[in-house]
Amino acid sequence: MDAVTVTDLVVDRGRRRVLPGLSFAVPAGQVTGLLGPSGSGKTTLMRALVGVQQVRSGEVTVLGERAGSPALRSRVGYVSRVARGNCTPGLPQNRA
């Protein structure tokens, strides 16, 4: 079973198409990284995986559940910021 399956995912942000028909699968137990330049859609994809990003079309399943479903929300967490920034507000990066 695949842990993550994305099929023909299309996401628009305003007039810009951020994800133009993305498809991939991540097998259960596999460690996978997501790399790309700023503005390439990494955060948008992560938001789509947990069901908080509106998608134009396509399908996203995680652990066999549709993204955003109540069953998935009880099993998956998502933090969109670097934890250090949340724990050390006001400190410069070189002091955190």
Protein backbone atom coordinates (compact mmCIF):
# COMPACT_ATOMS: atom_id res chain seq x y z
CA MET A 1 0.00 0.00 0.00
CA ASP A 2 1.19 3.51 -0.75
CA ALA A 3 1.34 5.95 2.15
CA VAL A 4 0.70 8.89 -0.20
CA THR A 5 -0.90 8.91 -3.64
CA VAL A 6 -1.34 12.07 -5.72
CA THR A 7 -3.11 11.80 -9.07
CA ASP A 8 -3.39 14.65 -11.60
CA LEU A 9 -3.32 17.31 -8.85
CA VAL A 10 -3.99 20.84 -10.12
CA VAL A 11 -3.82 23.81 -7.74
CA ASP A 12 -4.22 27.47 -8.68
CA ARG A 13 -3.32 30.42 -6.45
CA GLY A 14 -5.16 33.38 -7.90
CA ARG A 15 -4.42 33.40 -11.63
CA ARG A 16 -1.21 31.39 -11.24
CA ARG A 17 -1.19 27.61 -11.71
CA VAL A 18 1.08 26.37 -8.94
CA LEU A 19 0.70 22.61 -9.42
CA PRO A 20 -0.07 21.68 -13.04
CA GLY A 21 -1.25 18.07 -12.94
CA LEU A 22 1.17 16.49 -10.47
CA SER A 23 1.11 12.69 -9.99
CA PHE A 24 3.29 10.52 -7.73
CA ALA A 25 3.14 7.84 -5.05
CA VAL A 26 5.19 7.28 -1.89
CA PRO A 27 5.28 3.66 -0.73
CA ALA A 28 4.57 2.99 2.94
CA GLY A 29 7.78 2.94 4.97
CA GLN A 30 9.79 5.00 2.49
CA VAL A 31 11.44 8.24 3.60
CA THR A 32 10.92 10.95 1.00
CA GLY A 33 12.14 14.54 0.76
CA LEU A 34 10.54 17.47 -1.02
CA LEU A 35 13.03 19.91 -2.54
CA GLY A 36 12.61 22.89 -4.83
CA PRO A 37 13.27 26.60 -5.20
CA SER A 38 11.21 29.25 -3.48
CA GLY A 39 7.78 29.54 -5.09
CA SER A 40 7.85 26.09 -6.71
CA GLY A 41 4.81 24.77 -4.83
CA LYS A 42 6.31 22.80 -1.92
CA THR A 43 4.13 24.37 0.75
CA THR A 44 1.08 24.25 -1.52
CA LEU A 45 1.63 20.52 -2.03
CA MET A 46 2.00 19.90 1.71
CA ARG A 47 -1.18 21.86 2.37
CA ALA A 48 -2.99 19.77 -0.26
CA LEU A 49 -1.72 16.55 1.35
CA VAL A 50 -3.33 17.43 4.69
CA GLY A 51 -6.48 18.84 3.10
CA VAL A 52 -6.18 22.53 3.96
CA GLN A 53 -5.43 23.69 0.40
CA GLN A 54 -8.30 24.02 -2.06
CA VAL A 55 -7.51 22.03 -5.21
CA ARG A 56 -8.88 22.65 -8.68
CA SER A 57 -8.83 18.99 -9.68
CA GLY A 58 -7.14 15.69 -8.99
CA GLU A 59 -7.06 13.31 -6.08
CA VAL A 60 -4.90 13.09 -2.96
CA THR A 61 -4.93 10.17 -0.53
CA VAL A 62 -2.80 9.73 2.57
CA LEU A 63 -2.76 6.44 4.50
CA GLY A 64 -5.69 5.28 2.38
CA GLU A 65 -7.88 8.27 3.30
CA ARG A 66 -8.89 11.21 1.15
CA ALA A 67 -6.97 14.41 2.05
CA GLY A 68 -8.92 16.48 4.56
CA SER A 69 -11.22 13.66 5.66
CA PRO A 70 -12.07 13.48 9.38
CA ALA A 71 -10.47 10.02 9.57
CA LEU A 72 -7.18 11.42 8.26
CA ARG A 73 -7.25 14.55 10.43
CA SER A 74 -7.23 12.36 13.54
CA ARG A 75 -4.04 10.60 12.34
CA VAL A 76 -1.91 13.32 10.70
CA GLY A 77 -0.48 16.60 12.01
CA TYR A 78 0.99 19.53 10.08
CA VAL A 79 3.14 22.41 11.33
CA SER A 80 3.85 25.01 8.68
CA ARG A 81 6.68 26.87 10.42
CA VAL A 82 10.11 26.01 11.71
CA ALA A 83 9.62 25.04 15.35
CA ARG A 84 12.65 27.07 16.50
CA GLY A 85 10.94 30.28 15.37
CA ASN A 86 7.92 29.43 17.52
CA CYS A 87 10.03 28.69 20.61
CA THR A 88 12.34 31.70 20.47
CA PRO A 89 10.23 34.71 19.42
CA GLY A 90 12.17 37.94 19.16
CA LEU A 91 15.63 36.36 19.23
CA PRO A 92 17.93 36.78 16.24
CA GLN A 93 18.58 33.51 14.35
CA ASN A 94 22.23 33.44 15.45
CA ARG A 95 21.13 33.45 19.12
CA ALA A 96 18.24 30.99 18.85
